[in-house]
């Protein structure tokens, strides 16, 4: 087999492998009573700009991609701003959430979700 044909076959195989990657999926529900959550992120990946109480984000597909800064599998906390009557506080969940290819995470932030302020508590 000529080296040109072999190179072409290797390139096509690589494209098929990359094209078959299945992203992980995340969606978030705001179950905090009486407060909006804003700029909701899993690690550094934006999941939702703003969620009113009871609202659920769109599904965000996250793939193993250096451009996203994600190397799946990955385990990250949720980070967000809690907005109560216009007062904002930055919070991060104490729990981390693991995402891998083909995993679908449906997470909910509740009044009882354990959080901390990494800016103040460092």
PDB file of N, CA and C in Angstrom:
ATOM      1  N   UNK A   1       0.855  -1.173   0.000  1.00  0.00           N
ATOM      2  CA  UNK A   1       0.000   0.000   0.000  1.00  0.00           C
ATOM      3  C   UNK A   1       0.903   1.239   0.000  1.00  0.00           C
ATOM      4  N   UNK A   2       0.618   2.155  -0.890  1.00  0.00           N
ATOM      5  CA  UNK A   2       1.472   3.342  -0.976  1.00  0.00           C
ATOM      6  C   UNK A   2       1.298   4.218   0.262  1.00  0.00           C
ATOM      7  N   UNK A   3       2.315   5.014   0.528  1.00  0.00           N
ATOM      8  CA  UNK A   3       2.274   5.876   1.715  1.00  0.00           C
ATOM      9  C   UNK A   3       1.179   6.933   1.589  1.00  0.00           C
ATOM     10  N   UNK A   4       0.855   7.337   0.377  1.00  0.00           N
ATOM     11  CA  UNK A   4      -0.209   8.332   0.187  1.00  0.00           C
ATOM     12  C   UNK A   4      -1.574   7.749   0.570  1.00  0.00           C
ATOM     13  N   UNK A   5      -1.851   6.532   0.151  1.00  0.00           N
ATOM     14  CA  UNK A   5      -3.118   5.881   0.498  1.00  0.00           C
ATOM     15  C   UNK A   5      -3.182   5.644   2.003  1.00  0.00           C
ATOM     16  N   UNK A   6      -2.085   5.191   2.584  1.00  0.00           N
ATOM     17  CA  UNK A   6      -2.029   4.957   4.023  1.00  0.00           C
ATOM     18  C   UNK A   6      -2.265   6.252   4.797  1.00  0.00           C
ATOM     19  N   UNK A   7      -1.647   7.340   4.353  1.00  0.00           N
ATOM     20  CA  UNK A   7      -1.837   8.641   5.003  1.00  0.00           C
ATOM     21  C   UNK A   7      -3.293   9.082   4.922  1.00  0.00           C
ATOM     22  N   UNK A   8      -3.907   8.889   3.763  1.00  0.00           N
ATOM     23  CA  UNK A   8      -5.312   9.257   3.584  1.00  0.00           C
ATOM     24  C   UNK A   8      -6.208   8.434   4.502  1.00  0.00           C
ATOM     25  N   UNK A   9      -5.962   7.137   4.587  1.00  0.00           N
ATOM     26  CA  UNK A   9      -6.756   6.280   5.470  1.00  0.00           C
ATOM     27  C   UNK A   9      -6.593   6.675   6.933  1.00  0.00           C
ATOM     28  N   UNK A  10      -5.382   6.992   7.344  1.00  0.00           N
ATOM     29  CA  UNK A  10      -5.149   7.428   8.722  1.00  0.00           C
ATOM     30  C   UNK A  10      -5.869   8.737   9.015  1.00  0.00           C
ATOM     31  N   UNK A  11      -5.841   9.663   8.069  1.00  0.00           N
ATOM     32  CA  UNK A  11      -6.522  10.941   8.246  1.00  0.00           C
ATOM     33  C   UNK A  11      -8.027  10.742   8.356  1.00  0.00           C
ATOM     34  N   UNK A  12      -8.602   9.921   7.490  1.00  0.00           N
ATOM     35  CA  UNK A  12     -10.040   9.647   7.550  1.00  0.00           C
ATOM     36  C   UNK A  12     -10.418   8.956   8.854  1.00  0.00           C
ATOM     37  N   UNK A  13      -9.602   8.034   9.308  1.00  0.00           N
ATOM     38  CA  UNK A  13      -9.863   7.361  10.584  1.00  0.00           C
ATOM     39  C   UNK A  13      -9.852   8.355  11.737  1.00  0.00           C
ATOM     40  N   UNK A  14      -8.885   9.256  11.731  1.00  0.00           N
ATOM     41  CA  UNK A  14      -8.805  10.266  12.791  1.00  0.00           C
ATOM     42  C   UNK A  14     -10.028  11.167  12.769  1.00  0.00           C
ATOM     43  N   UNK A  15     -10.477  11.568  11.588  1.00  0.00           N
ATOM     44  CA  UNK A  15     -11.666  12.416  11.484  1.00  0.00           C
ATOM     45  C   UNK A  15     -12.909  11.689  11.981  1.00  0.00           C
ATOM     46  N   UNK A  16     -13.024  10.415  11.679  1.00  0.00           N
ATOM     47  CA  UNK A  16     -14.172   9.644  12.158  1.00  0.00           C
ATOM     48  C   UNK A  16     -14.165   9.528  13.675  1.00  0.00           C
ATOM     49  N   UNK A  17     -13.006   9.308  14.246  1.00  0.00           N
ATOM     50  CA  UNK A  17     -12.906   9.197  15.707  1.00  0.00           C
ATOM     51  C   UNK A  17     -13.287  10.513  16.358  1.00  0.00           C
ATOM     52  N   UNK A  18     -12.754  11.617  15.858  1.00  0.00           N
ATOM     53  CA  UNK A  18     -13.075  12.932  16.423  1.00  0.00           C
ATOM     54  C   UNK A  18     -14.550  13.239  16.230  1.00  0.00           C
ATOM     55  N   UNK A  19     -15.101  12.911  15.072  1.00  0.00           N
ATOM     56  CA  UNK A  19     -16.505  13.178  14.788  1.00  0.00           C
ATOM     57  C   UNK A  19     -17.453  12.360  15.638  1.00  0.00           C
ATOM     58  N   UNK A  20     -16.992  11.278  16.229  1.00  0.00           N
ATOM     59  CA  UNK A  20     -17.852  10.413  17.023  1.00  0.00           C
ATOM     60  C   UNK A  20     -17.894  10.802  18.499  1.00  0.00           C
ATOM     61  N   UNK A  21     -17.146  11.830  18.882  1.00  0.00           N
ATOM     62  CA  UNK A  21     -17.169  12.232  20.283  1.00  0.00           C
ATOM     63  C   UNK A  21     -18.580  12.652  20.672  1.00  0.00           C
ATOM     64  N   UNK A  22     -19.047  12.148  21.787  1.00  0.00           N
ATOM     65  CA  UNK A  22     -20.355  12.527  22.295  1.00  0.00           C
ATOM     66  C   UNK A  22     -20.163  13.432  23.495  1.00  0.00           C
ATOM     67  N   UNK A  23     -20.721  14.630  23.453  1.00  0.00           N
ATOM     68  CA  UNK A  23     -20.516  15.551  24.568  1.00  0.00           C
ATOM     69  C   UNK A  23     -21.293  15.124  25.804  1.00  0.00           C
ATOM     70  N   UNK A  24     -20.831  15.618  26.944  1.00  0.00           N
ATOM     71  CA  UNK A  24     -21.623  15.523  28.155  1.00  0.00           C
ATOM     72  C   UNK A  24     -22.640  16.652  28.141  1.00  0.00           C
ATOM     73  N   UNK A  25     -23.678  16.534  28.945  1.00  0.00           N
ATOM     74  CA  UNK A  25     -24.725  17.558  28.975  1.00  0.00           C
ATOM     75  C   UNK A  25     -25.011  17.972  30.411  1.00  0.00           C
ATOM     76  N   UNK A  26     -25.250  19.276  30.584  1.00  0.00           N
ATOM     77  CA  UNK A  26     -25.603  19.807  31.904  1.00  0.00           C
ATOM     78  C   UNK A  26     -26.784  20.753  31.758  1.00  0.00           C
ATOM     79  N   UNK A  27     -27.693  20.656  32.704  1.00  0.00           N
ATOM     80  CA  UNK A  27     -28.727  21.676  32.852  1.00  0.00           C
ATOM     81  C   UNK A  27     -28.932  21.906  34.341  1.00  0.00           C
ATOM     82  N   UNK A  28     -29.336  23.120  34.689  1.00  0.00           N
ATOM     83  CA  UNK A  28     -29.446  23.535  36.085  1.00  0.00           C
ATOM     84  C   UNK A  28     -30.850  24.064  36.349  1.00  0.00           C
ATOM     85  N   UNK A  29     -31.389  23.717  37.505  1.00  0.00           N
ATOM     86  CA  UNK A  29     -32.672  24.270  37.965  1.00  0.00           C
ATOM     87  C   UNK A  29     -32.397  25.169  39.165  1.00  0.00           C
ATOM     88  N   UNK A  30     -33.024  26.339  39.172  1.00  0.00           N
ATOM     89  CA  UNK A  30     -32.964  27.224  40.332  1.00  0.00           C
ATOM     90  C   UNK A  30     -34.120  26.866  41.258  1.00  0.00           C
ATOM     91  N   UNK A  31     -33.813  26.194  42.359  1.00  0.00           N
ATOM     92  CA  UNK A  31     -34.821  25.838  43.361  1.00  0.00           C
ATOM     93  C   UNK A  31     -34.643  26.654  44.637  1.00  0.00           C
ATOM     94  N   UNK A  32     -33.971  27.803  44.516  1.00  0.00           N
ATOM     95  CA  UNK A  32     -33.797  28.702  45.661  1.00  0.00           C
ATOM     96  C   UNK A  32     -35.027  29.593  45.718  1.00  0.00           C
ATOM     97  N   UNK A  33     -35.719  29.587  46.854  1.00  0.00           N
ATOM     98  CA  UNK A  33     -36.946  30.371  46.956  1.00  0.00           C
ATOM     99  C   UNK A  33     -36.631  31.861  47.077  1.00  0.00           C
ATOM    100  N   UNK A  34     -37.294  32.655  46.249  1.00  0.00           N
ATOM    101  CA  UNK A  34     -37.199  34.105  46.343  1.00  0.00           C
ATOM    102  C   UNK A  34     -35.897  34.721  45.875  1.00  0.00           C
ATOM    103  N   UNK A  35     -35.095  34.002  45.090  1.00  0.00           N
ATOM    104  CA  UNK A  35     -33.820  34.573  44.637  1.00  0.00           C
ATOM    105  C   UNK A  35     -33.496  34.117  43.220  1.00  0.00           C
ATOM    106  N   UNK A  36     -32.925  35.022  42.452  1.00  0.00           N
ATOM    107  CA  UNK A  36     -32.402  34.677  41.134  1.00  0.00           C
ATOM    108  C   UNK A  36     -30.983  34.156  41.316  1.00  0.00           C
ATOM    109  N   UNK A  37     -30.565  33.282  40.424  1.00  0.00           N
ATOM    110  CA  UNK A  37     -29.148  32.935  40.356  1.00  0.00           C
ATOM    111  C   UNK A  37     -28.657  33.381  38.985  1.00  0.00           C
ATOM    112  N   UNK A  38     -27.445  33.940  38.984  1.00  0.00           N
ATOM    113  CA  UNK A  38     -26.927  34.539  37.763  1.00  0.00           C
ATOM    114  C   UNK A  38     -25.519  34.038  37.466  1.00  0.00           C
ATOM    115  N   UNK A  39     -25.172  34.101  36.190  1.00  0.00           N
ATOM    116  CA  UNK A  39     -23.833  33.717  35.738  1.00  0.00           C
ATOM    117  C   UNK A  39     -23.453  32.332  36.286  1.00  0.00           C
ATOM    118  N   UNK A  40     -24.336  31.371  36.060  1.00  0.00           N
ATOM    119  CA  UNK A  40     -24.165  30.020  36.602  1.00  0.00           C
ATOM    120  C   UNK A  40     -23.152  29.257  35.747  1.00  0.00           C
ATOM    121  N   UNK A  41     -22.111  28.755  36.408  1.00  0.00           N
ATOM    122  CA  UNK A  41     -21.032  28.061  35.705  1.00  0.00           C
ATOM    123  C   UNK A  41     -20.740  26.711  36.350  1.00  0.00           C
ATOM    124  N   UNK A  42     -20.379  25.760  35.523  1.00  0.00           N
ATOM    125  CA  UNK A  42     -19.792  24.501  35.976  1.00  0.00           C
ATOM    126  C   UNK A  42     -18.317  24.664  35.675  1.00  0.00           C
ATOM    127  N   UNK A  43     -17.519  24.830  36.725  1.00  0.00           N
ATOM    128  CA  UNK A  43     -16.124  25.201  36.499  1.00  0.00           C
ATOM    129  C   UNK A  43     -16.092  26.550  35.820  1.00  0.00           C
ATOM    130  N   UNK A  44     -15.472  26.616  34.653  1.00  0.00           N
ATOM    131  CA  UNK A  44     -15.409  27.874  33.904  1.00  0.00           C
ATOM    132  C   UNK A  44     -16.401  27.932  32.747  1.00  0.00           C
ATOM    133  N   UNK A  45     -17.238  26.913  32.604  1.00  0.00           N
ATOM    134  CA  UNK A  45     -18.177  26.841  31.485  1.00  0.00           C
ATOM    135  C   UNK A  45     -19.509  27.467  31.891  1.00  0.00           C
ATOM    136  N   UNK A  46     -19.947  28.490  31.148  1.00  0.00           N
ATOM    137  CA  UNK A  46     -21.217  29.156  31.427  1.00  0.00           C
ATOM    138  C   UNK A  46     -22.377  28.227  31.084  1.00  0.00           C
ATOM    139  N   UNK A  47     -23.266  28.021  32.067  1.00  0.00           N
ATOM    140  CA  UNK A  47     -24.452  27.191  31.855  1.00  0.00           C
ATOM    141  C   UNK A  47     -25.687  28.059  31.658  1.00  0.00           C
ATOM    142  N   UNK A  48     -25.813  29.133  32.442  1.00  0.00           N
ATOM    143  CA  UNK A  48     -26.979  30.021  32.326  1.00  0.00           C
ATOM    144  C   UNK A  48     -26.604  31.427  32.763  1.00  0.00           C
ATOM    145  N   UNK A  49     -27.148  32.413  32.076  1.00  0.00           N
ATOM    146  CA  UNK A  49     -26.924  33.804  32.451  1.00  0.00           C
ATOM    147  C   UNK A  49     -27.747  34.206  33.658  1.00  0.00           C
ATOM    148  N   UNK A  50     -29.009  33.792  33.680  1.00  0.00           N
ATOM    149  CA  UNK A  50     -29.891  34.118  34.805  1.00  0.00           C
ATOM    150  C   UNK A  50     -31.025  33.099  34.869  1.00  0.00           C
ATOM    151  N   UNK A  51     -31.311  32.638  36.081  1.00  0.00           N
ATOM    152  CA  UNK A  51     -32.432  31.724  36.298  1.00  0.00           C
ATOM    153  C   UNK A  51     -33.294  32.264  37.428  1.00  0.00           C
ATOM    154  N   UNK A  52     -34.564  32.445  37.141  1.00  0.00           N
ATOM    155  CA  UNK A  52     -35.523  32.838  38.171  1.00  0.00           C
ATOM    156  C   UNK A  52     -35.876  31.612  39.005  1.00  0.00           C
ATOM    157  N   UNK A  53     -36.461  31.804  40.195  1.00  0.00           N
ATOM    158  CA  UNK A  53     -36.860  30.646  41.006  1.00  0.00           C
ATOM    159  C   UNK A  53     -37.763  29.698  40.205  1.00  0.00           C
ATOM    160  N   UNK A  54     -37.425  28.414  40.219  1.00  0.00           N
ATOM    161  CA  UNK A  54     -38.187  27.396  39.502  1.00  0.00           C
ATOM    162  C   UNK A  54     -37.789  27.221  38.048  1.00  0.00           C
ATOM    163  N   UNK A  55     -36.992  28.114  37.524  1.00  0.00           N
ATOM    164  CA  UNK A  55     -36.600  28.059  36.117  1.00  0.00           C
ATOM    165  C   UNK A  55     -35.463  27.057  35.901  1.00  0.00           C
ATOM    166  N   UNK A  56     -35.472  26.428  34.719  1.00  0.00           N
ATOM    167  CA  UNK A  56     -34.455  25.443  34.343  1.00  0.00           C
ATOM    168  C   UNK A  56     -33.698  25.975  33.132  1.00  0.00           C
ATOM    169  N   UNK A  57     -32.386  25.826  33.161  1.00  0.00           N
ATOM    170  CA  UNK A  57     -31.561  26.281  32.032  1.00  0.00           C
ATOM    171  C   UNK A  57     -31.777  25.384  30.821  1.00  0.00           C
ATOM    172  N   UNK A  58     -31.355  25.872  29.686  1.00  0.00           N
ATOM    173  CA  UNK A  58     -31.266  25.019  28.507  1.00  0.00           C
ATOM    174  C   UNK A  58     -30.169  23.989  28.752  1.00  0.00           C
ATOM    175  N   UNK A  59     -30.221  22.910  28.025  1.00  0.00           N
ATOM    176  CA  UNK A  59     -29.156  21.910  28.097  1.00  0.00           C
ATOM    177  C   UNK A  59     -27.915  22.488  27.416  1.00  0.00           C
ATOM    178  N   UNK A  60     -26.788  22.408  28.102  1.00  0.00           N
ATOM    179  CA  UNK A  60     -25.516  22.845  27.534  1.00  0.00           C
ATOM    180  C   UNK A  60     -24.678  21.598  27.275  1.00  0.00           C
ATOM    181  N   UNK A  61     -24.239  21.449  26.042  1.00  0.00           N
ATOM    182  CA  UNK A  61     -23.410  20.302  25.668  1.00  0.00           C
ATOM    183  C   UNK A  61     -21.949  20.698  25.801  1.00  0.00           C
ATOM    184  N   UNK A  62     -21.204  19.870  26.518  1.00  0.00           N
ATOM    185  CA  UNK A  62     -19.794  20.147  26.776  1.00  0.00           C
ATOM    186  C   UNK A  62     -18.978  18.975  26.256  1.00  0.00           C
ATOM    187  N   UNK A  63     -18.050  19.290  25.378  1.00  0.00           N
ATOM    188  CA  UNK A  63     -17.213  18.219  24.836  1.00  0.00           C
ATOM    189  C   UNK A  63     -15.782  18.386  25.321  1.00  0.00           C
ATOM    190  N   UNK A  64     -15.066  17.307  25.229  1.00  0.00           N
ATOM    191  CA  UNK A  64     -13.646  17.289  25.582  1.00  0.00           C
ATOM    192  C   UNK A  64     -12.919  18.131  24.543  1.00  0.00           C
ATOM    193  N   UNK A  65     -12.592  19.371  24.921  1.00  0.00           N
ATOM    194  CA  UNK A  65     -12.063  20.305  23.942  1.00  0.00           C
ATOM    195  C   UNK A  65     -11.171  21.338  24.614  1.00  0.00           C
ATOM    196  N   UNK A  66      -9.922  21.457  24.185  1.00  0.00           N
ATOM    197  CA  UNK A  66      -9.028  22.456  24.779  1.00  0.00           C
ATOM    198  C   UNK A  66      -9.540  23.887  24.608  1.00  0.00           C
ATOM    199  N   UNK A  67     -10.309  24.148  23.525  1.00  0.00           N
ATOM    200  CA  UNK A  67     -10.862  25.490  23.329  1.00  0.00           C
ATOM    201  C   UNK A  67     -11.864  25.849  24.425  1.00  0.00           C
ATOM    202  N   UNK A  68     -12.545  24.857  24.984  1.00  0.00           N
ATOM    203  CA  UNK A  68     -13.472  25.069  26.102  1.00  0.00           C
ATOM    204  C   UNK A  68     -12.712  25.084  27.426  1.00  0.00           C
ATOM    205  N   UNK A  69     -11.463  24.636  27.406  1.00  0.00           N
ATOM    206  CA  UNK A  69     -10.723  24.500  28.659  1.00  0.00           C
ATOM    207  C   UNK A  69     -11.206  23.305  29.454  1.00  0.00           C
ATOM    208  N   UNK A  70     -11.759  22.310  28.752  1.00  0.00           N
ATOM    209  CA  UNK A  70     -12.338  21.139  29.406  1.00  0.00           C
ATOM    210  C   UNK A  70     -11.610  19.890  28.944  1.00  0.00           C
ATOM    211  N   UNK A  71     -11.243  19.064  29.902  1.00  0.00           N
ATOM    212  CA  UNK A  71     -10.617  17.780  29.633  1.00  0.00           C
ATOM    213  C   UNK A  71     -11.470  16.728  30.333  1.00  0.00           C
ATOM    214  N   UNK A  72     -12.444  16.163  29.597  1.00  0.00           N
ATOM    215  CA  UNK A  72     -13.355  15.186  30.200  1.00  0.00           C
ATOM    216  C   UNK A  72     -12.665  13.848  30.372  1.00  0.00           C
ATOM    217  N   UNK A  73     -12.951  13.105  31.414  1.00  0.00           N
ATOM    218  CA  UNK A  73     -13.876  13.454  32.491  1.00  0.00           C
ATOM    219  C   UNK A  73     -13.308  14.567  33.372  1.00  0.00           C
ATOM    220  N   UNK A  74     -14.215  15.369  33.928  1.00  0.00           N
ATOM    221  CA  UNK A  74     -13.817  16.465  34.810  1.00  0.00           C
ATOM    222  C   UNK A  74     -14.828  16.585  35.946  1.00  0.00           C
ATOM    223  N   UNK A  75     -14.349  17.094  37.054  1.00  0.00           N
ATOM    224  CA  UNK A  75     -15.189  17.275  38.238  1.00  0.00           C
ATOM    225  C   UNK A  75     -15.043  18.726  38.686  1.00  0.00           C
ATOM    226  N   UNK A  76     -16.149  19.455  38.710  1.00  0.00           N
ATOM    227  CA  UNK A  76     -16.129  20.887  39.012  1.00  0.00           C
ATOM    228  C   UNK A  76     -17.294  21.254  39.928  1.00  0.00           C
ATOM    229  N   UNK A  77     -17.129  22.322  40.711  1.00  0.00           N
ATOM    230  CA  UNK A  77     -18.264  22.850  41.474  1.00  0.00           C
ATOM    231  C   UNK A  77     -19.115  23.741  40.567  1.00  0.00           C
ATOM    232  N   UNK A  78     -20.292  24.105  41.059  1.00  0.00           N
ATOM    233  CA  UNK A  78     -21.089  25.141  40.404  1.00  0.00           C
ATOM    234  C   UNK A  78     -20.707  26.468  41.036  1.00  0.00           C
ATOM    235  N   UNK A  79     -20.592  27.500  40.223  1.00  0.00           N
ATOM    236  CA  UNK A  79     -20.285  28.854  40.699  1.00  0.00           C
ATOM    237  C   UNK A  79     -21.373  29.771  40.157  1.00  0.00           C
ATOM    238  N   UNK A  80     -21.838  30.678  41.005  1.00  0.00           N
ATOM    239  CA  UNK A  80     -22.927  31.554  40.577  1.00  0.00           C
ATOM    240  C   UNK A  80     -23.045  32.748  41.515  1.00  0.00           C
ATOM    241  N   UNK A  81     -23.806  33.731  41.072  1.00  0.00           N
ATOM    242  CA  UNK A  81     -24.170  34.862  41.921  1.00  0.00           C
ATOM    243  C   UNK A  81     -25.605  34.660  42.366  1.00  0.00           C
ATOM    244  N   UNK A  82     -25.840  34.813  43.649  1.00  0.00           N
ATOM    245  CA  UNK A  82     -27.187  34.774  44.205  1.00  0.00           C
ATOM    246  C   UNK A  82     -27.667  36.216  44.279  1.00  0.00           C
ATOM    247  N   UNK A  83     -28.821  36.493  43.686  1.00  0.00           N
ATOM    248  CA  UNK A  83     -29.373  37.844  43.642  1.00  0.00           C
ATOM    249  C   UNK A  83     -30.664  37.866  44.454  1.00  0.00           C
ATOM    250  N   UNK A  84     -30.595  38.511  45.621  1.00  0.00           N
ATOM    251  CA  UNK A  84     -31.774  38.664  46.475  1.00  0.00           C
ATOM    252  C   UNK A  84     -32.077  40.153  46.563  1.00  0.00           C
ATOM    253  N   UNK A  85     -33.176  40.570  45.960  1.00  0.00           N
ATOM    254  CA  UNK A  85     -33.593  41.980  45.963  1.00  0.00           C
ATOM    255  C   UNK A  85     -32.479  42.913  45.502  1.00  0.00           C
ATOM    256  N   UNK A  86     -31.716  42.503  44.499  1.00  0.00           N
ATOM    257  CA  UNK A  86     -30.659  43.341  43.944  1.00  0.00           C
ATOM    258  C   UNK A  86     -29.309  43.204  44.620  1.00  0.00           C
ATOM    259  N   UNK A  87     -29.260  42.556  45.776  1.00  0.00           N
ATOM    260  CA  UNK A  87     -27.982  42.318  46.452  1.00  0.00           C
ATOM    261  C   UNK A  87     -27.366  41.033  45.900  1.00  0.00           C
ATOM    262  N   UNK A  88     -26.105  41.125  45.455  1.00  0.00           N
ATOM    263  CA  UNK A  88     -25.420  39.980  44.856  1.00  0.00           C
ATOM    264  C   UNK A  88     -24.356  39.437  45.785  1.00  0.00           C
ATOM    265  N   UNK A  89     -24.272  38.109  45.838  1.00  0.00           N
ATOM    266  CA  UNK A  89     -23.168  37.461  46.533  1.00  0.00           C
ATOM    267  C   UNK A  89     -22.681  36.307  45.661  1.00  0.00           C
ATOM    268  N   UNK A  90     -21.369  36.199  45.532  1.00  0.00           N
ATOM    269  CA  UNK A  90     -20.771  35.119  44.754  1.00  0.00           C
ATOM    270  C   UNK A  90     -20.709  33.866  45.616  1.00  0.00           C
ATOM    271  N   UNK A  91     -21.187  32.743  45.076  1.00  0.00           N
ATOM    272  CA  UNK A  91     -21.190  31.478  45.813  1.00  0.00           C
ATOM    273  C   UNK A  91     -20.651  30.348  44.940  1.00  0.00           C
ATOM    274  N   UNK A  92     -20.132  29.346  45.623  1.00  0.00           N
ATOM    275  CA  UNK A  92     -19.620  28.143  44.968  1.00  0.00           C
ATOM    276  C   UNK A  92     -20.110  26.952  45.779  1.00  0.00           C
ATOM    277  N   UNK A  93     -20.572  25.913  45.089  1.00  0.00           N
ATOM    278  CA  UNK A  93     -21.027  24.725  45.817  1.00  0.00           C
ATOM    279  C   UNK A  93     -19.836  24.015  46.443  1.00  0.00           C
ATOM    280  N   UNK A  94     -20.062  23.465  47.619  1.00  0.00           N
ATOM    281  CA  UNK A  94     -19.010  22.654  48.250  1.00  0.00           C
ATOM    282  C   UNK A  94     -18.859  21.331  47.499  1.00  0.00           C
ATOM    283  N   UNK A  95     -19.956  20.826  46.982  1.00  0.00           N
ATOM    284  CA  UNK A  95     -19.917  19.586  46.197  1.00  0.00           C
ATOM    285  C   UNK A  95     -19.369  19.881  44.805  1.00  0.00           C
ATOM    286  N   UNK A  96     -18.741  18.885  44.222  1.00  0.00           N
ATOM    287  CA  UNK A  96     -18.323  18.964  42.827  1.00  0.00           C
ATOM    288  C   UNK A  96     -19.147  17.956  42.035  1.00  0.00           C
ATOM    289  N   UNK A  97     -19.253  18.200  40.747  1.00  0.00           N
ATOM    290  CA  UNK A  97     -20.097  17.380  39.890  1.00  0.00           C
ATOM    291  C   UNK A  97     -19.263  16.868  38.729  1.00  0.00           C
ATOM    292  N   UNK A  98     -19.271  15.545  38.565  1.00  0.00           N
ATOM    293  CA  UNK A  98     -18.430  14.881  37.563  1.00  0.00           C
ATOM    294  C   UNK A  98     -19.191  14.767  36.241  1.00  0.00           C
ATOM    295  N   UNK A  99     -18.518  15.180  35.183  1.00  0.00           N
ATOM    296  CA  UNK A  99     -19.074  15.078  33.841  1.00  0.00           C
ATOM    297  C   UNK A  99     -18.102  14.310  32.962  1.00  0.00           C
ATOM    298  N   UNK A 100     -18.650  13.432  32.169  1.00  0.00           N
ATOM    299  CA  UNK A 100     -17.868  12.672  31.199  1.00  0.00           C
ATOM    300  C   UNK A 100     -18.654  12.656  29.895  1.00  0.00           C
ATOM    301  N   UNK A 101     -18.039  12.182  28.839  1.00  0.00           N
ATOM    302  CA  UNK A 101     -18.744  12.061  27.573  1.00  0.00           C
ATOM    303  C   UNK A 101     -19.977  11.186  27.767  1.00  0.00           C
ATOM    304  N   UNK A 102     -21.068  11.589  27.130  1.00  0.00           N
ATOM    305  CA  UNK A 102     -22.346  10.877  27.147  1.00  0.00           C
ATOM    306  C   UNK A 102     -23.072  10.932  28.487  1.00  0.00           C
ATOM    307  N   UNK A 103     -22.547  11.656  29.474  1.00  0.00           N
ATOM    308  CA  UNK A 103     -23.222  11.793  30.770  1.00  0.00           C
ATOM    309  C   UNK A 103     -24.162  12.990  30.690  1.00  0.00           C
ATOM    310  N   UNK A 104     -25.359  12.840  31.264  1.00  0.00           N
ATOM    311  CA  UNK A 104     -26.339  13.924  31.304  1.00  0.00           C
ATOM    312  C   UNK A 104     -26.580  14.292  32.762  1.00  0.00           C
ATOM    313  N   UNK A 105     -26.098  15.489  33.153  1.00  0.00           N
ATOM    314  CA  UNK A 105     -26.301  15.964  34.520  1.00  0.00           C
ATOM    315  C   UNK A 105     -27.487  16.913  34.549  1.00  0.00           C
ATOM    316  N   UNK A 106     -28.407  16.651  35.450  1.00  0.00           N
ATOM    317  CA  UNK A 106     -29.516  17.557  35.704  1.00  0.00           C
ATOM    318  C   UNK A 106     -29.405  17.936  37.172  1.00  0.00           C
ATOM    319  N   UNK A 107     -28.941  19.159  37.435  1.00  0.00           N
ATOM    320  CA  UNK A 107     -28.626  19.587  38.794  1.00  0.00           C
ATOM    321  C   UNK A 107     -29.605  20.652  39.252  1.00  0.00           C
ATOM    322  N   UNK A 108     -29.778  20.725  40.564  1.00  0.00           N
ATOM    323  CA  UNK A 108     -30.678  21.713  41.143  1.00  0.00           C
ATOM    324  C   UNK A 108     -29.987  22.408  42.307  1.00  0.00           C
ATOM    325  N   UNK A 109     -30.071  23.735  42.319  1.00  0.00           N
ATOM    326  CA  UNK A 109     -29.545  24.517  43.435  1.00  0.00           C
ATOM    327  C   UNK A 109     -30.729  24.850  44.336  1.00  0.00           C
ATOM    328  N   UNK A 110     -30.672  24.367  45.583  1.00  0.00           N
ATOM    329  CA  UNK A 110     -31.755  24.523  46.561  1.00  0.00           C
ATOM    330  C   UNK A 110     -31.358  25.501  47.656  1.00  0.00           C
ATOM    331  N   UNK A 111     -32.322  25.836  48.500  1.00  0.00           N
ATOM    332  CA  UNK A 111     -32.037  26.635  49.700  1.00  0.00           C
ATOM    333  C   UNK A 111     -31.028  25.915  50.592  1.00  0.00           C
ATOM    334  N   UNK A 112     -31.029  24.591  50.547  1.00  0.00           N
ATOM    335  CA  UNK A 112     -30.178  23.795  51.441  1.00  0.00           C
ATOM    336  C   UNK A 112     -28.860  23.354  50.800  1.00  0.00           C
ATOM    337  N   UNK A 113     -28.610  23.755  49.557  1.00  0.00           N
ATOM    338  CA  UNK A 113     -27.353  23.398  48.900  1.00  0.00           C
ATOM    339  C   UNK A 113     -26.190  24.017  49.671  1.00  0.00           C
ATOM    340  N   UNK A 114     -25.201  23.205  50.015  1.00  0.00           N
ATOM    341  CA  UNK A 114     -24.043  23.717  50.757  1.00  0.00           C
ATOM    342  C   UNK A 114     -23.156  24.523  49.821  1.00  0.00           C
ATOM    343  N   UNK A 115     -22.990  25.799  50.177  1.00  0.00           N
ATOM    344  CA  UNK A 115     -22.190  26.719  49.372  1.00  0.00           C
ATOM    345  C   UNK A 115     -21.233  27.485  50.268  1.00  0.00           C
ATOM    346  N   UNK A 116     -20.286  28.139  49.636  1.00  0.00           N
ATOM    347  CA  UNK A 116     -19.368  29.015  50.357  1.00  0.00           C
ATOM    348  C   UNK A 116     -18.933  30.123  49.418  1.00  0.00           C
ATOM    349  N   UNK A 117     -18.364  31.167  49.992  1.00  0.00           N
ATOM    350  CA  UNK A 117     -17.883  32.294  49.206  1.00  0.00           C
ATOM    351  C   UNK A 117     -16.369  32.206  49.162  1.00  0.00           C
ATOM    352  N   UNK A 118     -15.833  31.750  48.036  1.00  0.00           N
ATOM    353  CA  UNK A 118     -14.387  31.543  47.923  1.00  0.00           C
ATOM    354  C   UNK A 118     -13.609  32.856  47.929  1.00  0.00           C
ATOM    355  N   UNK A 119     -14.259  33.962  47.639  1.00  0.00           N
ATOM    356  CA  UNK A 119     -13.588  35.263  47.665  1.00  0.00           C
ATOM    357  C   UNK A 119     -13.358  35.701  49.108  1.00  0.00           C
ATOM    358  N   UNK A 120     -14.367  35.546  49.950  1.00  0.00           N
ATOM    359  CA  UNK A 120     -14.291  35.967  51.352  1.00  0.00           C
ATOM    360  C   UNK A 120     -13.586  34.925  52.207  1.00  0.00           C
ATOM    361  N   UNK A 121     -13.823  33.641  51.925  1.00  0.00           N
ATOM    362  CA  UNK A 121     -13.341  32.563  52.783  1.00  0.00           C
ATOM    363  C   UNK A 121     -11.982  32.002  52.395  1.00  0.00           C
ATOM    364  N   UNK A 122     -11.251  32.641  51.507  1.00  0.00           N
ATOM    365  CA  UNK A 122      -9.911  32.142  51.152  1.00  0.00           C
ATOM    366  C   UNK A 122      -8.927  32.333  52.270  1.00  0.00           C
TER     367      UNK A 122
END
